[in-house]
């Protein structure tokens, strides 16, 4: 990577020449770094250069007397930004012009040089650059900034901006940059967002506002292939190892909310959705209510899918999503709580995927809860197709919004490992008797009442 030396010009010989060595930005990085918009969003492929780009931006803003705050969900995710910052500021750090707190990832001016600035009538006491981890509003609290850089925005909870980020910029009319890569179905499992599509929706919103207020809003999109430092040969090989949807999201940075060949369609779910306030469309009571469970064997594994559904006539109603990551005892407590909360008839789980464990662990929580285990002798596609067919016929209603469940339904393609929430929904609808026994070959092996 090439570096260019830049010095901070001063008005007095009493302040030493301060030189920083910034990486040379790529053309795509330059576009968003030097855009004057105050609300920017950057959507880029993996290793596309977005984090190094905001690192260059953050350093230049720091040297221009901004208070810069960079936030990403985890410690590992801030490493690239912090490396870029420390490398660029290596010389002034070694000469003692700047102070670095490696634990808190803070760089600011040493006291003696702050006094030199003050002698020139320049106050840099609030001038600093910091990188911190932030999943949500609470983890972002405790600081303020003139320039806020939110990286891996797709994995953060939306409240990080609405409740904390936006207010912290009020005093100085500060700027924000949202940075993200469209999340694959696998990466969404670690997200703290209420809506896994929130970054994509913000990109669409800012793109529209840009046409009206280009001085305030700007949206930028580039792919991994736009990074000239990456090997084209390696990218081509990676493409062969990825599904088409993963490649489009992770490399081409396309926002996808529906996979080609998926059994469920967004438009169908939306067409037959019933909002909780629309009481005229809701049944007064359900003939049956089932809690479907797709278990997780360990506390660090995938989430356990826990979906409740009700039946009225020949129609199904998805009622609650209580899926949770945790130990078997954790998800068993969540399933039992949902069972009691909705006054359900049974808990239903798959017999040949930890089914005996489901019965045993739920009995530890509440031995009076009936558990039915179903044995599926056919593949995932055969199990899911009858449930998706209900939706096509207008006989499957989501009562409210279930963004994570709906993502799993619309991004899953037959032939791939099926996600937990979707499986739990299939078990619940099977327990309700809505999908029949014909081609799916269900066999109740425990509890059948």
Protein backbone atom coordinates (compact mmCIF):
# COMPACT_ATOMS: atom_id res chain seq x y z
CA UNK A 1 0.00 0.00 0.00
CA UNK A 2 1.35 3.42 -0.93
CA UNK A 3 1.53 6.22 1.63
CA UNK A 4 1.66 9.96 1.15
CA UNK A 5 3.16 12.34 3.72
CA UNK A 6 1.02 15.30 4.78
CA UNK A 7 2.03 17.98 7.23
CA UNK A 8 -0.24 19.99 9.50
CA UNK A 9 0.48 23.64 8.71
CA UNK A 10 0.92 25.95 11.70
CA UNK A 11 1.08 29.72 12.08
CA UNK A 12 4.03 29.76 14.43
CA UNK A 13 7.48 28.26 14.60
CA UNK A 14 6.80 27.40 18.25
CA UNK A 15 4.58 24.54 17.08
CA UNK A 16 6.62 21.79 15.44
CA UNK A 17 5.86 20.48 11.97
CA UNK A 18 3.51 17.55 12.36
CA UNK A 19 3.66 14.94 9.61
CA UNK A 20 1.18 12.13 9.05
CA UNK A 21 1.51 9.42 6.43
CA UNK A 22 -1.84 8.53 4.95
CA UNK A 23 -2.53 5.60 2.63
CA UNK A 24 -3.21 6.72 -0.91
CA UNK A 25 -6.99 6.43 -1.31
CA UNK A 26 -8.42 4.43 -4.17
CA UNK A 27 -10.81 6.23 -6.54
CA UNK A 28 -13.84 4.72 -4.76
CA UNK A 29 -12.48 5.71 -1.35
CA UNK A 30 -11.78 9.22 -2.58
CA UNK A 31 -15.41 9.62 -3.67
CA UNK A 32 -16.83 9.21 -0.18
CA UNK A 33 -13.90 10.61 1.81
CA UNK A 34 -14.12 14.01 0.15
CA UNK A 35 -17.86 14.23 -0.29
CA UNK A 36 -19.11 17.30 1.63
CA UNK A 37 -22.42 15.63 2.60
CA UNK A 38 -23.17 15.50 6.31
CA UNK A 39 -25.06 12.19 6.20
CA UNK A 40 -23.20 9.56 4.20
CA UNK A 41 -23.73 5.84 3.78
CA UNK A 42 -21.15 3.53 2.21
CA UNK A 43 -22.11 0.05 0.99
CA UNK A 44 -19.14 -2.03 -0.11
CA UNK A 45 -18.03 -5.62 -0.63
CA UNK A 46 -15.75 -7.47 1.76
CA UNK A 47 -12.18 -6.15 1.58
CA UNK A 48 -13.45 -3.43 -0.72
CA UNK A 49 -11.52 -0.82 1.28
CA UNK A 50 -14.36 0.79 3.17
CA UNK A 51 -12.74 0.57 6.63
CA UNK A 52 -9.36 1.86 5.43
CA UNK A 53 -11.26 4.62 3.63
CA UNK A 54 -13.02 5.77 6.79
CA UNK A 55 -9.69 5.47 8.57
CA UNK A 56 -8.20 8.01 6.14
CA UNK A 57 -11.26 10.19 6.59
CA UNK A 58 -11.06 9.95 10.38
CA UNK A 59 -7.37 10.91 10.45
CA UNK A 60 -7.88 13.92 8.17
CA UNK A 61 -10.80 15.07 10.30
CA UNK A 62 -8.78 14.59 13.47
CA UNK A 63 -5.98 16.72 12.05
CA UNK A 64 -8.60 19.36 11.17
CA UNK A 65 -9.59 19.61 14.86
CA UNK A 66 -12.60 17.29 14.80
CA UNK A 67 -13.50 14.97 17.63
CA UNK A 68 -13.78 11.64 15.80
CA UNK A 69 -15.54 8.56 17.13
CA UNK A 70 -15.35 5.29 15.21
CA UNK A 71 -17.57 2.43 16.36
CA UNK A 72 -17.92 -1.18 15.24
CA UNK A 73 -19.70 -4.10 16.93
CA UNK A 74 -16.67 -6.06 18.15
CA UNK A 75 -13.03 -5.65 19.13
CA UNK A 76 -11.89 -7.66 16.12
CA UNK A 77 -13.81 -5.38 13.76
CA UNK A 78 -12.08 -2.20 14.95
CA UNK A 79 -8.59 -3.68 14.41
CA UNK A 80 -8.25 -2.59 10.76
CA UNK A 81 -9.33 0.97 11.49
CA UNK A 82 -7.04 1.24 14.52
CA UNK A 83 -4.07 -0.12 12.56
CA UNK A 84 -4.65 2.48 9.81
CA UNK A 85 -4.83 5.30 12.35
CA UNK A 86 -1.74 4.26 14.32
CA UNK A 87 0.29 3.69 11.17
CA UNK A 88 -0.58 7.14 9.80
CA UNK A 89 0.16 8.89 13.11
CA UNK A 90 3.27 6.87 13.90
CA UNK A 91 5.69 9.79 13.54
CA UNK A 92 3.90 12.34 15.78
CA UNK A 93 3.29 9.56 18.31
CA UNK A 94 6.98 8.64 18.42
CA UNK A 95 7.96 12.31 18.81
CA UNK A 96 5.62 12.74 21.76
CA UNK A 97 3.21 15.17 20.12
CA UNK A 98 0.34 12.76 20.60
CA UNK A 99 -0.75 10.51 23.46
CA UNK A 100 -2.12 7.02 22.76
CA UNK A 101 -4.25 4.95 25.11
CA UNK A 102 -4.09 1.48 23.58
CA UNK A 103 -6.65 0.00 25.98
CA UNK A 104 -9.38 2.51 25.15
CA UNK A 105 -8.15 3.13 21.59
CA UNK A 106 -7.81 6.88 22.09
CA UNK A 107 -5.31 9.28 20.51
CA UNK A 108 -5.17 12.92 21.56
CA UNK A 109 -2.64 15.75 21.89
CA UNK A 110 -0.13 15.83 24.70
CA UNK A 111 -0.64 18.67 27.20
CA UNK A 112 2.52 20.55 26.23
CA UNK A 113 1.51 20.84 22.60
CA UNK A 114 -2.07 21.78 23.55
CA UNK A 115 -0.57 24.80 25.30
CA UNK A 116 1.32 25.67 22.13
CA UNK A 117 -1.95 25.61 20.22
CA UNK A 118 -3.65 27.77 22.86
CA UNK A 119 -0.88 30.36 22.51
CA UNK A 120 -1.98 30.64 18.86
CA UNK A 121 -5.61 31.06 19.88
CA UNK A 122 -6.53 27.51 18.83
CA UNK A 123 -8.40 25.24 21.24
CA UNK A 124 -7.72 21.55 20.57
CA UNK A 125 -8.63 20.30 24.01
CA UNK A 126 -11.64 18.36 22.65
CA UNK A 127 -9.78 17.18 19.56
CA UNK A 128 -9.22 13.43 19.59
CA UNK A 129 -9.81 10.21 17.69
CA UNK A 130 -11.27 7.13 19.34
CA UNK A 131 -12.30 3.63 18.26
CA UNK A 132 -14.73 1.68 20.41
CA UNK A 133 -16.96 -1.36 20.27
CA UNK A 134 -20.68 -0.70 20.07
CA UNK A 135 -23.50 -3.15 19.44
CA UNK A 136 -26.38 -0.94 20.48
CA UNK A 137 -27.42 2.33 22.11
CA UNK A 138 -26.07 1.40 25.54
CA UNK A 139 -22.62 0.37 24.30
CA UNK A 140 -22.31 3.55 22.22
CA UNK A 141 -23.07 5.84 25.17
CA UNK A 142 -20.45 7.68 27.16
CA UNK A 143 -18.87 9.85 24.48
CA UNK A 144 -19.63 12.54 21.94
CA UNK A 145 -18.23 13.52 18.58
CA UNK A 146 -18.15 15.96 15.69
CA UNK A 147 -17.66 13.06 13.30
CA UNK A 148 -19.29 9.69 13.97
CA UNK A 149 -18.21 6.67 11.93
CA UNK A 150 -20.48 3.62 12.32
CA UNK A 151 -18.85 0.57 10.71
CA UNK A 152 -20.55 -2.82 10.19
CA UNK A 153 -23.77 -0.85 10.62
CA UNK A 154 -25.86 -3.78 9.41
CA UNK A 155 -24.98 -5.72 12.58
CA UNK A 156 -25.74 -2.91 15.05
CA UNK A 157 -29.07 -2.22 16.67
CA UNK A 158 -30.87 0.70 15.04
CA UNK A 159 -31.13 2.55 18.37
CA UNK A 160 -27.36 3.11 18.36
CA UNK A 161 -28.01 5.93 15.89
CA UNK A 162 -31.51 7.07 16.80
CA UNK A 163 -31.09 7.21 20.56
CA UNK A 164 -27.39 8.01 20.98
CA UNK A 165 -25.59 8.77 17.71
CA UNK A 166 -27.87 11.50 16.41
CA UNK A 167 -28.14 13.38 19.73
CA UNK A 168 -24.36 13.37 20.26
CA UNK A 169 -23.93 15.40 17.04
CA UNK A 170 -26.41 18.14 17.94
CA UNK A 171 -24.08 20.49 19.78
CA UNK A 172 -21.65 20.83 16.90
CA UNK A 173 -23.95 20.01 13.97
CA UNK A 174 -21.69 17.05 13.37
CA UNK A 175 -21.47 14.50 10.57
CA UNK A 176 -22.08 10.75 10.41
CA UNK A 177 -20.94 8.00 8.05
CA UNK A 178 -22.67 4.61 8.00
CA UNK A 179 -20.56 1.78 6.57
CA UNK A 180 -21.79 -1.72 5.82
CA UNK A 181 -21.64 -4.86 3.73
CA UNK A 182 -25.01 -6.51 2.99
CA UNK A 183 -25.29 -9.34 5.52
CA UNK A 184 -25.59 -12.94 4.42
CA UNK A 185 -28.07 -15.22 6.17
CA UNK A 186 -25.19 -16.68 8.21
CA UNK A 187 -23.81 -13.33 9.41
CA UNK A 188 -27.26 -12.12 10.47
CA UNK A 189 -27.21 -14.62 13.32
CA UNK A 190 -24.77 -12.36 15.20
CA UNK A 191 -26.64 -9.14 14.47
CA UNK A 192 -28.24 -7.08 17.24
CA UNK A 193 -30.61 -5.33 14.83
CA UNK A 194 -34.35 -5.64 15.29
CA UNK A 195 -34.70 -5.56 11.52
CA UNK A 196 -31.82 -7.25 9.64
CA UNK A 197 -32.74 -5.16 6.60
CA UNK A 198 -32.33 -1.81 8.39
CA UNK A 199 -29.01 -0.89 6.71
CA UNK A 200 -30.44 -1.65 3.26
CA UNK A 201 -33.50 0.48 4.02
CA UNK A 202 -31.31 3.36 5.19
CA UNK A 203 -29.23 3.11 2.02
CA UNK A 204 -32.38 3.33 -0.07
CA UNK A 205 -33.63 6.29 2.00
CA UNK A 206 -30.38 8.26 1.75
CA UNK A 207 -30.14 7.48 -1.98
CA UNK A 208 -33.56 9.07 -2.45
CA UNK A 209 -32.77 12.08 -0.26
CA UNK A 210 -29.51 12.62 -2.14
CA UNK A 211 -31.50 13.63 -5.22
CA UNK A 212 -33.18 16.42 -3.25
CA UNK A 213 -30.42 17.47 -0.81
CA UNK A 214 -27.00 16.43 -2.22
CA UNK A 215 -25.35 18.86 0.17
CA UNK A 216 -26.61 16.85 3.14
CA UNK A 217 -27.07 13.27 1.90
CA UNK A 218 -24.86 10.97 -0.16
CA UNK A 219 -24.85 7.22 -0.83
CA UNK A 220 -21.87 5.27 -2.19
CA UNK A 221 -21.67 1.71 -3.51
CA UNK A 222 -18.64 -0.26 -4.61
CA UNK A 223 -17.65 -3.91 -4.81
CA UNK A 224 -14.69 -5.96 -3.62
CA UNK A 225 -13.47 -5.92 -7.22
CA UNK A 226 -13.18 -2.13 -7.07
CA UNK A 227 -10.25 -2.49 -4.66
CA UNK A 228 -7.13 -2.45 -6.90
CA UNK A 229 -5.06 -4.03 -4.11
CA UNK A 230 -6.99 -7.31 -4.22
CA UNK A 231 -6.01 -10.18 -6.47
CA UNK A 232 -8.50 -10.72 -9.28
CA UNK A 233 -7.44 -14.35 -9.45
CA UNK A 234 -8.21 -14.83 -5.75
CA UNK A 235 -11.59 -13.16 -6.14
CA UNK A 236 -12.45 -15.45 -9.02
CA UNK A 237 -11.54 -18.49 -6.94
CA UNK A 238 -13.59 -17.23 -4.01
CA UNK A 239 -16.57 -16.81 -6.33
CA UNK A 240 -16.43 -20.54 -7.10
CA UNK A 241 -16.63 -21.33 -3.37
CA UNK A 242 -19.66 -19.13 -2.62
CA UNK A 243 -23.35 -19.41 -3.35
CA UNK A 244 -24.63 -16.90 -5.88
CA UNK A 245 -26.55 -15.00 -3.19
CA UNK A 246 -23.53 -14.87 -0.84
CA UNK A 247 -21.32 -13.66 -3.69
CA UNK A 248 -23.80 -10.96 -4.66
CA UNK A 249 -24.08 -9.74 -1.06
CA UNK A 250 -20.55 -10.15 0.26
CA UNK A 251 -18.52 -9.37 -2.89
CA UNK A 252 -20.79 -7.31 -5.14
CA UNK A 253 -22.44 -5.59 -2.13
CA UNK A 254 -25.97 -6.03 -3.38
CA UNK A 255 -28.83 -5.74 -0.91
CA UNK A 256 -30.89 -8.91 -1.33
CA UNK A 257 -34.04 -9.63 0.62
CA UNK A 258 -35.12 -12.61 -1.47
CA UNK A 259 -33.08 -15.44 -2.96
CA UNK A 260 -33.67 -16.78 -6.43
CA UNK A 261 -35.50 -20.08 -5.98
CA UNK A 262 -36.71 -19.40 -2.44
CA UNK A 263 -39.99 -21.04 -1.43
CA UNK A 264 -41.40 -17.88 0.17
CA UNK A 265 -41.79 -14.45 -1.42
CA UNK A 266 -41.81 -11.12 0.40
CA UNK A 267 -44.80 -9.89 -1.56
CA UNK A 268 -46.86 -12.93 -0.54
CA UNK A 269 -45.99 -12.59 3.14
CA UNK A 270 -46.85 -8.89 3.03
CA UNK A 271 -50.12 -9.45 1.15
CA UNK A 272 -51.54 -11.76 3.81
CA UNK A 273 -49.95 -10.13 6.86
CA UNK A 274 -52.27 -9.07 9.68
CA UNK A 275 -51.09 -6.31 11.97
CA UNK A 276 -51.88 -6.80 15.65
CA UNK A 277 -54.03 -3.68 15.74
CA UNK A 278 -56.23 -4.93 12.89
CA UNK A 279 -58.57 -6.85 15.18
CA UNK A 280 -61.28 -7.30 12.56
CA UNK A 281 -59.03 -9.65 10.60
CA UNK A 282 -57.88 -11.65 13.61
CA UNK A 283 -59.74 -14.76 14.80
CA UNK A 284 -61.46 -14.27 18.13
CA UNK A 285 -59.98 -17.57 19.24
CA UNK A 286 -57.83 -20.31 17.76
CA UNK A 287 -58.78 -23.96 17.52
CA UNK A 288 -55.21 -24.99 18.27
CA UNK A 289 -51.97 -23.25 19.20
CA UNK A 290 -48.61 -24.98 18.81
CA UNK A 291 -45.09 -23.94 19.77
CA UNK A 292 -42.55 -25.25 17.28
CA UNK A 293 -38.98 -25.79 18.52
CA UNK A 294 -35.85 -26.39 16.47
CA UNK A 295 -33.28 -27.05 19.20
CA UNK A 296 -29.69 -25.98 19.60
CA UNK A 297 -27.46 -28.40 21.45
CA UNK A 298 -24.97 -25.87 22.85
CA UNK A 299 -25.03 -22.34 24.25
CA UNK A 300 -22.55 -21.13 21.63
CA UNK A 301 -24.17 -22.76 18.62
CA UNK A 302 -26.96 -21.54 16.39
CA UNK A 303 -30.05 -20.00 17.87
CA UNK A 304 -32.83 -22.34 18.88
CA UNK A 305 -35.86 -21.61 16.75
CA UNK A 306 -39.03 -21.09 18.81
CA UNK A 307 -42.14 -20.14 16.82
CA UNK A 308 -45.77 -20.17 17.96
CA UNK A 309 -48.62 -20.56 15.49
CA UNK A 310 -52.41 -20.84 15.71
CA UNK A 311 -55.06 -22.51 13.56
CA UNK A 312 -58.52 -21.32 12.61
CA UNK A 313 -60.31 -23.44 10.07
CA UNK A 314 -57.84 -24.25 7.31
CA UNK A 315 -55.70 -21.17 7.90
CA UNK A 316 -52.53 -20.72 9.95
CA UNK A 317 -51.41 -17.68 11.91
CA UNK A 318 -47.78 -17.13 12.94
CA UNK A 319 -48.11 -15.50 16.36
CA UNK A 320 -44.75 -15.16 18.14
CA UNK A 321 -41.03 -15.57 17.58
CA UNK A 322 -39.23 -16.35 20.84
CA UNK A 323 -36.06 -17.77 19.29
CA UNK A 324 -33.02 -17.45 21.49
CA UNK A 325 -29.36 -18.37 21.63
CA UNK A 326 -28.28 -20.13 24.79
CA UNK A 327 -27.98 -23.44 26.56
CA UNK A 328 -30.70 -26.11 26.21
CA UNK A 329 -32.09 -24.97 29.54
CA UNK A 330 -32.27 -21.37 28.25
CA UNK A 331 -34.29 -22.19 25.15
CA UNK A 332 -36.43 -24.72 27.05
CA UNK A 333 -37.45 -21.98 29.50
CA UNK A 334 -38.24 -19.66 26.59
CA UNK A 335 -40.38 -22.32 24.88
CA UNK A 336 -42.26 -23.15 28.07
CA UNK A 337 -42.84 -19.46 28.81
CA UNK A 338 -44.29 -18.98 25.32
CA UNK A 339 -46.43 -22.10 25.74
CA UNK A 340 -47.97 -20.69 28.93
CA UNK A 341 -48.22 -17.14 27.63
CA UNK A 342 -50.33 -18.19 24.65
CA UNK A 343 -52.07 -21.07 26.43
CA UNK A 344 -50.81 -23.37 23.72
CA UNK A 345 -51.83 -26.99 23.24
CA UNK A 346 -48.39 -28.50 22.74
CA UNK A 347 -44.73 -28.02 22.00
CA UNK A 348 -43.67 -29.70 18.76
CA UNK A 349 -40.10 -30.60 17.75
CA UNK A 350 -38.27 -32.85 15.32
CA UNK A 351 -37.52 -36.30 16.70
CA UNK A 352 -34.40 -37.00 14.67
CA UNK A 353 -32.64 -33.72 15.50
CA UNK A 354 -32.27 -33.66 19.25
CA UNK A 355 -35.91 -34.51 19.88
CA UNK A 356 -35.28 -36.65 22.94
CA UNK A 357 -33.28 -33.81 24.43
CA UNK A 358 -36.23 -31.45 23.82
CA UNK A 359 -38.55 -33.70 25.81
CA UNK A 360 -36.05 -34.19 28.61
CA UNK A 361 -35.05 -30.54 29.02
CA UNK A 362 -38.61 -29.20 28.79
CA UNK A 363 -39.68 -31.76 31.41
CA UNK A 364 -37.01 -30.31 33.70
CA UNK A 365 -38.59 -26.86 33.32
CA UNK A 366 -42.22 -27.99 33.51
CA UNK A 367 -43.13 -31.70 33.47
CA UNK A 368 -46.77 -30.87 32.73
CA UNK A 369 -46.09 -29.40 29.28
CA UNK A 370 -47.01 -31.91 26.54
CA UNK A 371 -44.33 -32.42 23.90
CA UNK A 372 -44.92 -34.03 20.52
CA UNK A 373 -41.95 -35.23 18.51
CA UNK A 374 -42.35 -35.64 14.77
CA UNK A 375 -40.14 -37.81 12.64
CA UNK A 376 -39.30 -36.40 9.22
CA UNK A 377 -38.18 -39.11 6.82
CA UNK A 378 -37.96 -36.73 3.85
CA UNK A 379 -35.69 -33.79 3.15
CA UNK A 380 -35.96 -30.18 4.25
CA UNK A 381 -37.50 -29.05 0.98
CA UNK A 382 -40.29 -31.63 1.20
CA UNK A 383 -41.07 -30.52 4.73
CA UNK A 384 -41.15 -26.83 3.91
CA UNK A 385 -43.03 -26.91 0.60
CA UNK A 386 -46.53 -27.56 2.06
CA UNK A 387 -46.12 -24.62 4.44
CA UNK A 388 -44.99 -22.31 1.66
CA UNK A 389 -47.93 -23.56 -0.44
CA UNK A 390 -50.28 -22.38 2.31
CA UNK A 391 -48.82 -18.91 1.94
CA UNK A 392 -49.34 -18.94 -1.83
CA UNK A 393 -53.00 -19.84 -1.24
CA UNK A 394 -53.43 -16.96 1.22
CA UNK A 395 -53.86 -19.32 4.16
CA UNK A 396 -50.75 -18.36 6.11
CA UNK A 397 -50.80 -15.06 8.00
CA UNK A 398 -48.02 -13.38 9.96
CA UNK A 399 -49.66 -11.58 12.87
CA UNK A 400 -47.26 -8.65 13.15
CA UNK A 401 -43.71 -8.42 11.81
CA UNK A 402 -41.05 -11.12 12.16
CA UNK A 403 -38.01 -9.75 10.31
CA UNK A 404 -35.55 -12.52 11.21
CA UNK A 405 -38.00 -15.33 10.51
CA UNK A 406 -39.02 -13.69 7.23
CA UNK A 407 -35.37 -13.26 6.22
CA UNK A 408 -34.78 -16.97 6.80
CA UNK A 409 -37.87 -17.91 4.83
CA UNK A 410 -37.11 -15.68 1.85
CA UNK A 411 -33.35 -16.22 1.69
CA UNK A 412 -33.35 -19.99 2.12
CA UNK A 413 -33.02 -22.08 -1.02
CA UNK A 414 -33.75 -25.84 -1.03
CA UNK A 415 -30.60 -27.89 -0.85
CA UNK A 416 -28.91 -25.71 1.76
CA UNK A 417 -28.98 -26.19 5.54
CA UNK A 418 -32.31 -24.87 6.72
CA UNK A 419 -32.33 -22.11 9.35
CA UNK A 420 -33.78 -22.63 12.80
CA UNK A 421 -36.68 -20.20 12.86
CA UNK A 422 -38.01 -21.49 9.56
CA UNK A 423 -37.77 -25.08 10.77
CA UNK A 424 -39.57 -24.17 13.99
CA UNK A 425 -42.40 -22.62 11.95
CA UNK A 426 -42.65 -25.83 9.90
CA UNK A 427 -42.89 -27.92 13.10
CA UNK A 428 -45.59 -25.63 14.51
CA UNK A 429 -47.70 -25.82 11.33
CA UNK A 430 -47.19 -29.58 11.22
CA UNK A 431 -48.49 -29.84 14.78
CA UNK A 432 -51.52 -27.82 13.78
CA UNK A 433 -52.33 -30.37 11.08
CA UNK A 434 -52.25 -27.72 8.35
CA UNK A 435 -49.79 -29.45 6.03
CA UNK A 436 -51.26 -32.94 5.96
CA UNK A 437 -49.37 -36.19 5.89
CA UNK A 438 -49.38 -37.06 2.16
CA UNK A 439 -46.01 -36.33 0.58
CA UNK A 440 -44.32 -35.17 3.75
CA UNK A 441 -44.50 -38.52 5.57
CA UNK A 442 -44.84 -37.24 9.14
CA UNK A 443 -44.91 -39.76 11.97
CA UNK A 444 -45.71 -38.67 15.51
CA UNK A 445 -43.45 -40.72 17.76
CA UNK A 446 -44.10 -39.13 21.13
CA UNK A 447 -47.27 -37.58 22.50
CA UNK A 448 -49.99 -37.78 19.80
CA UNK A 449 -52.89 -36.42 21.76
